Protein backbone atom coordinates (compact mmCIF):
# COMPACT_ATOMS: atom_id res chain seq x y z
CA UNK A 1 0.00 0.00 0.00
CA UNK A 2 2.87 2.34 0.77
CA UNK A 3 4.45 1.85 -2.65
CA UNK A 4 1.10 2.28 -4.35
CA UNK A 5 0.33 5.44 -2.36
CA UNK A 6 3.71 6.97 -3.18
CA UNK A 7 3.20 6.29 -6.90
CA UNK A 8 -0.23 7.93 -6.77
CA UNK A 9 0.89 10.90 -4.61
CA UNK A 10 -1.45 9.92 -1.79
CA UNK A 11 -1.08 8.93 1.82
CA UNK A 12 -1.36 5.19 2.57
CA UNK A 13 -4.20 6.08 4.94
CA UNK A 14 -6.22 7.34 1.97
CA UNK A 15 -6.19 3.91 0.27
CA UNK A 16 -8.62 1.12 1.06
CA UNK A 17 -7.05 -1.68 3.07
CA UNK A 18 -9.88 -4.08 2.19
CA UNK A 19 -9.51 -3.38 -1.53
CA UNK A 20 -5.75 -3.95 -1.27
CA UNK A 21 -6.28 -7.22 0.57
CA UNK A 22 -8.77 -8.46 -2.02
CA UNK A 23 -6.47 -7.57 -4.91
CA UNK A 24 -3.47 -9.17 -3.22
CA UNK A 25 -5.43 -12.38 -2.55
CA UNK A 26 -6.66 -12.57 -6.13
CA UNK A 27 -3.11 -11.85 -7.33
CA UNK A 28 -1.75 -14.74 -5.28
CA UNK A 29 -4.47 -17.16 -6.41
CA UNK A 30 -3.61 -16.55 -10.05
CA UNK A 31 -0.02 -17.52 -9.33
CA UNK A 32 1.45 -14.26 -10.57
CA UNK A 33 4.73 -13.56 -8.82
CA UNK A 34 6.22 -10.24 -7.80
CA UNK A 35 9.33 -10.73 -9.93
CA UNK A 36 7.76 -9.18 -13.06
CA UNK A 37 8.08 -5.39 -12.65
CA UNK A 38 5.43 -4.51 -15.23
CA UNK A 39 2.77 -6.72 -13.64
CA UNK A 40 3.68 -5.50 -10.16
CA UNK A 41 3.34 -1.88 -11.34
CA UNK A 42 -0.10 -2.77 -12.70
CA UNK A 43 -1.09 -4.17 -9.31
CA UNK A 44 0.10 -1.01 -7.58
CA UNK A 45 -1.98 1.11 -9.96
CA UNK A 46 -5.04 -1.00 -9.21
CA UNK A 47 -4.49 -0.63 -5.47
CA UNK A 48 -4.25 3.16 -5.78
CA UNK A 49 -7.58 3.41 -7.63
CA UNK A 50 -9.76 2.85 -4.54
CA UNK A 51 -9.66 5.84 -2.21
CA UNK A 52 -11.45 6.09 1.12
CA UNK A 53 -12.94 9.24 2.58
CA UNK A 54 -11.55 11.29 5.43
CA UNK A 55 -13.30 10.29 8.65
CA UNK A 56 -11.87 12.46 11.43
CA UNK A 57 -12.69 11.52 14.98
CA UNK A 58 -13.81 8.02 14.04
CA UNK A 59 -14.06 5.92 17.16
CA UNK A 60 -15.68 2.51 17.26
CA UNK A 61 -16.10 0.63 20.53
CA UNK A 62 -14.58 -2.82 20.65
CA UNK A 63 -17.43 -4.65 22.27
CA UNK A 64 -19.92 -7.31 21.38
CA UNK A 65 -23.55 -6.57 22.06
CA UNK A 66 -25.80 -9.34 23.14
CA UNK A 67 -28.86 -9.14 20.97
CA UNK A 68 -32.22 -9.51 22.68
CA UNK A 69 -33.87 -12.82 21.98
CA UNK A 70 -37.58 -13.66 22.14
CA UNK A 71 -36.84 -16.34 24.75
CA UNK A 72 -35.56 -16.09 28.32
CA UNK A 73 -32.08 -17.31 29.22
CA UNK A 74 -31.70 -20.85 30.47
CA UNK A 75 -30.80 -20.18 34.11
CA UNK A 76 -31.49 -23.61 35.55
CA UNK A 77 -30.40 -27.14 34.71
CA UNK A 78 -31.73 -28.36 31.38
CA UNK A 79 -33.38 -31.43 32.89
CA UNK A 80 -35.34 -29.26 35.34
CA UNK A 81 -36.36 -26.89 32.53
CA UNK A 82 -37.59 -29.82 30.44
CA UNK A 83 -39.64 -31.12 33.34
CA UNK A 84 -41.27 -27.70 33.85
CA UNK A 85 -42.11 -27.47 30.14
CA UNK A 86 -43.78 -30.89 30.25
CA UNK A 87 -45.82 -29.84 33.29
CA UNK A 88 -46.68 -26.20 32.47
CA UNK A 89 -45.93 -25.70 28.75
CA UNK A 90 -43.49 -23.25 27.23
CA UNK A 91 -43.09 -19.81 28.86
CA UNK A 92 -44.39 -16.70 27.11
CA UNK A 93 -42.09 -14.80 24.74
CA UNK A 94 -40.26 -11.74 26.02
CA UNK A 95 -40.82 -8.46 24.21
C-alpha atoms as a PDB file:
ATOM      1  CA  UNK A   1       0.000   0.000   0.000  1.00  0.00           C
ATOM      2  CA  UNK A   2       2.869   2.340   0.772  1.00  0.00           C
ATOM      3  CA  UNK A   3       4.449   1.846  -2.650  1.00  0.00           C
ATOM      4  CA  UNK A   4       1.099   2.281  -4.349  1.00  0.00           C
ATOM      5  CA  UNK A   5       0.334   5.438  -2.364  1.00  0.00           C
ATOM      6  CA  UNK A   6       3.713   6.971  -3.182  1.00  0.00           C
ATOM      7  CA  UNK A   7       3.199   6.290  -6.898  1.00  0.00           C
ATOM      8  CA  UNK A   8      -0.233   7.933  -6.774  1.00  0.00           C
ATOM      9  CA  UNK A   9       0.890  10.905  -4.613  1.00  0.00           C
ATOM     10  CA  UNK A  10      -1.450   9.922  -1.787  1.00  0.00           C
ATOM     11  CA  UNK A  11      -1.076   8.929   1.815  1.00  0.00           C
ATOM     12  CA  UNK A  12      -1.361   5.195   2.568  1.00  0.00           C
ATOM     13  CA  UNK A  13      -4.195   6.080   4.941  1.00  0.00           C
ATOM     14  CA  UNK A  14      -6.223   7.338   1.971  1.00  0.00           C
ATOM     15  CA  UNK A  15      -6.187   3.911   0.274  1.00  0.00           C
ATOM     16  CA  UNK A  16      -8.617   1.117   1.057  1.00  0.00           C
ATOM     17  CA  UNK A  17      -7.049  -1.681   3.065  1.00  0.00           C
ATOM     18  CA  UNK A  18      -9.879  -4.084   2.195  1.00  0.00           C
ATOM     19  CA  UNK A  19      -9.506  -3.378  -1.526  1.00  0.00           C
ATOM     20  CA  UNK A  20      -5.750  -3.950  -1.267  1.00  0.00           C
ATOM     21  CA  UNK A  21      -6.278  -7.221   0.571  1.00  0.00           C
ATOM     22  CA  UNK A  22      -8.771  -8.463  -2.017  1.00  0.00           C
ATOM     23  CA  UNK A  23      -6.473  -7.569  -4.910  1.00  0.00           C
ATOM     24  CA  UNK A  24      -3.465  -9.174  -3.222  1.00  0.00           C
ATOM     25  CA  UNK A  25      -5.430 -12.381  -2.545  1.00  0.00           C
ATOM     26  CA  UNK A  26      -6.660 -12.571  -6.132  1.00  0.00           C
ATOM     27  CA  UNK A  27      -3.112 -11.850  -7.334  1.00  0.00           C
ATOM     28  CA  UNK A  28      -1.749 -14.739  -5.281  1.00  0.00           C
ATOM     29  CA  UNK A  29      -4.468 -17.156  -6.407  1.00  0.00           C
ATOM     30  CA  UNK A  30      -3.611 -16.553 -10.048  1.00  0.00           C
ATOM     31  CA  UNK A  31      -0.016 -17.522  -9.331  1.00  0.00           C
ATOM     32  CA  UNK A  32       1.448 -14.260 -10.573  1.00  0.00           C
ATOM     33  CA  UNK A  33       4.732 -13.563  -8.816  1.00  0.00           C
ATOM     34  CA  UNK A  34       6.218 -10.238  -7.797  1.00  0.00           C
ATOM     35  CA  UNK A  35       9.327 -10.734  -9.934  1.00  0.00           C
ATOM     36  CA  UNK A  36       7.757  -9.178 -13.065  1.00  0.00           C
ATOM     37  CA  UNK A  37       8.085  -5.394 -12.646  1.00  0.00           C
ATOM     38  CA  UNK A  38       5.427  -4.507 -15.234  1.00  0.00           C
ATOM     39  CA  UNK A  39       2.773  -6.722 -13.643  1.00  0.00           C
ATOM     40  CA  UNK A  40       3.680  -5.499 -10.164  1.00  0.00           C
ATOM     41  CA  UNK A  41       3.342  -1.885 -11.337  1.00  0.00           C
ATOM     42  CA  UNK A  42      -0.104  -2.769 -12.695  1.00  0.00           C
ATOM     43  CA  UNK A  43      -1.085  -4.169  -9.309  1.00  0.00           C
ATOM     44  CA  UNK A  44       0.105  -1.006  -7.582  1.00  0.00           C
ATOM     45  CA  UNK A  45      -1.975   1.115  -9.959  1.00  0.00           C
ATOM     46  CA  UNK A  46      -5.041  -1.003  -9.207  1.00  0.00           C
ATOM     47  CA  UNK A  47      -4.490  -0.633  -5.468  1.00  0.00           C
ATOM     48  CA  UNK A  48      -4.249   3.162  -5.781  1.00  0.00           C
ATOM     49  CA  UNK A  49      -7.580   3.407  -7.628  1.00  0.00           C
ATOM     50  CA  UNK A  50      -9.759   2.853  -4.543  1.00  0.00           C
ATOM     51  CA  UNK A  51      -9.656   5.839  -2.211  1.00  0.00           C
ATOM     52  CA  UNK A  52     -11.449   6.089   1.123  1.00  0.00           C
ATOM     53  CA  UNK A  53     -12.943   9.244   2.578  1.00  0.00           C
ATOM     54  CA  UNK A  54     -11.553  11.292   5.428  1.00  0.00           C
ATOM     55  CA  UNK A  55     -13.295  10.287   8.649  1.00  0.00           C
ATOM     56  CA  UNK A  56     -11.869  12.464  11.431  1.00  0.00           C
ATOM     57  CA  UNK A  57     -12.686  11.519  14.984  1.00  0.00           C
ATOM     58  CA  UNK A  58     -13.810   8.023  14.042  1.00  0.00           C
ATOM     59  CA  UNK A  59     -14.063   5.923  17.162  1.00  0.00           C
ATOM     60  CA  UNK A  60     -15.684   2.511  17.256  1.00  0.00           C
ATOM     61  CA  UNK A  61     -16.103   0.631  20.526  1.00  0.00           C
ATOM     62  CA  UNK A  62     -14.577  -2.821  20.648  1.00  0.00           C
ATOM     63  CA  UNK A  63     -17.432  -4.649  22.270  1.00  0.00           C
ATOM     64  CA  UNK A  64     -19.925  -7.314  21.376  1.00  0.00           C
ATOM     65  CA  UNK A  65     -23.549  -6.570  22.056  1.00  0.00           C
ATOM     66  CA  UNK A  66     -25.805  -9.342  23.143  1.00  0.00           C
ATOM     67  CA  UNK A  67     -28.864  -9.138  20.972  1.00  0.00           C
ATOM     68  CA  UNK A  68     -32.225  -9.511  22.681  1.00  0.00           C
ATOM     69  CA  UNK A  69     -33.874 -12.820  21.982  1.00  0.00           C
ATOM     70  CA  UNK A  70     -37.576 -13.660  22.144  1.00  0.00           C
ATOM     71  CA  UNK A  71     -36.843 -16.335  24.749  1.00  0.00           C
ATOM     72  CA  UNK A  72     -35.559 -16.092  28.318  1.00  0.00           C
ATOM     73  CA  UNK A  73     -32.081 -17.305  29.217  1.00  0.00           C
ATOM     74  CA  UNK A  74     -31.695 -20.848  30.469  1.00  0.00           C
ATOM     75  CA  UNK A  75     -30.799 -20.180  34.111  1.00  0.00           C
ATOM     76  CA  UNK A  76     -31.489 -23.609  35.552  1.00  0.00           C
ATOM     77  CA  UNK A  77     -30.396 -27.137  34.708  1.00  0.00           C
ATOM     78  CA  UNK A  78     -31.728 -28.364  31.377  1.00  0.00           C
ATOM     79  CA  UNK A  79     -33.379 -31.434  32.888  1.00  0.00           C
ATOM     80  CA  UNK A  80     -35.340 -29.258  35.341  1.00  0.00           C
ATOM     81  CA  UNK A  81     -36.363 -26.888  32.531  1.00  0.00           C
ATOM     82  CA  UNK A  82     -37.587 -29.824  30.439  1.00  0.00           C
ATOM     83  CA  UNK A  83     -39.641 -31.118  33.338  1.00  0.00           C
ATOM     84  CA  UNK A  84     -41.269 -27.700  33.853  1.00  0.00           C
ATOM     85  CA  UNK A  85     -42.109 -27.472  30.144  1.00  0.00           C
ATOM     86  CA  UNK A  86     -43.776 -30.890  30.252  1.00  0.00           C
ATOM     87  CA  UNK A  87     -45.816 -29.843  33.285  1.00  0.00           C
ATOM     88  CA  UNK A  88     -46.680 -26.198  32.473  1.00  0.00           C
ATOM     89  CA  UNK A  89     -45.932 -25.704  28.749  1.00  0.00           C
ATOM     90  CA  UNK A  90     -43.494 -23.251  27.230  1.00  0.00           C
ATOM     91  CA  UNK A  91     -43.094 -19.810  28.863  1.00  0.00           C
ATOM     92  CA  UNK A  92     -44.389 -16.699  27.106  1.00  0.00           C
ATOM     93  CA  UNK A  93     -42.094 -14.803  24.740  1.00  0.00           C
ATOM     94  CA  UNK A  94     -40.263 -11.743  26.021  1.00  0.00           C
ATOM     95  CA  UNK A  95     -40.820  -8.459  24.209  1.00  0.00           C
END
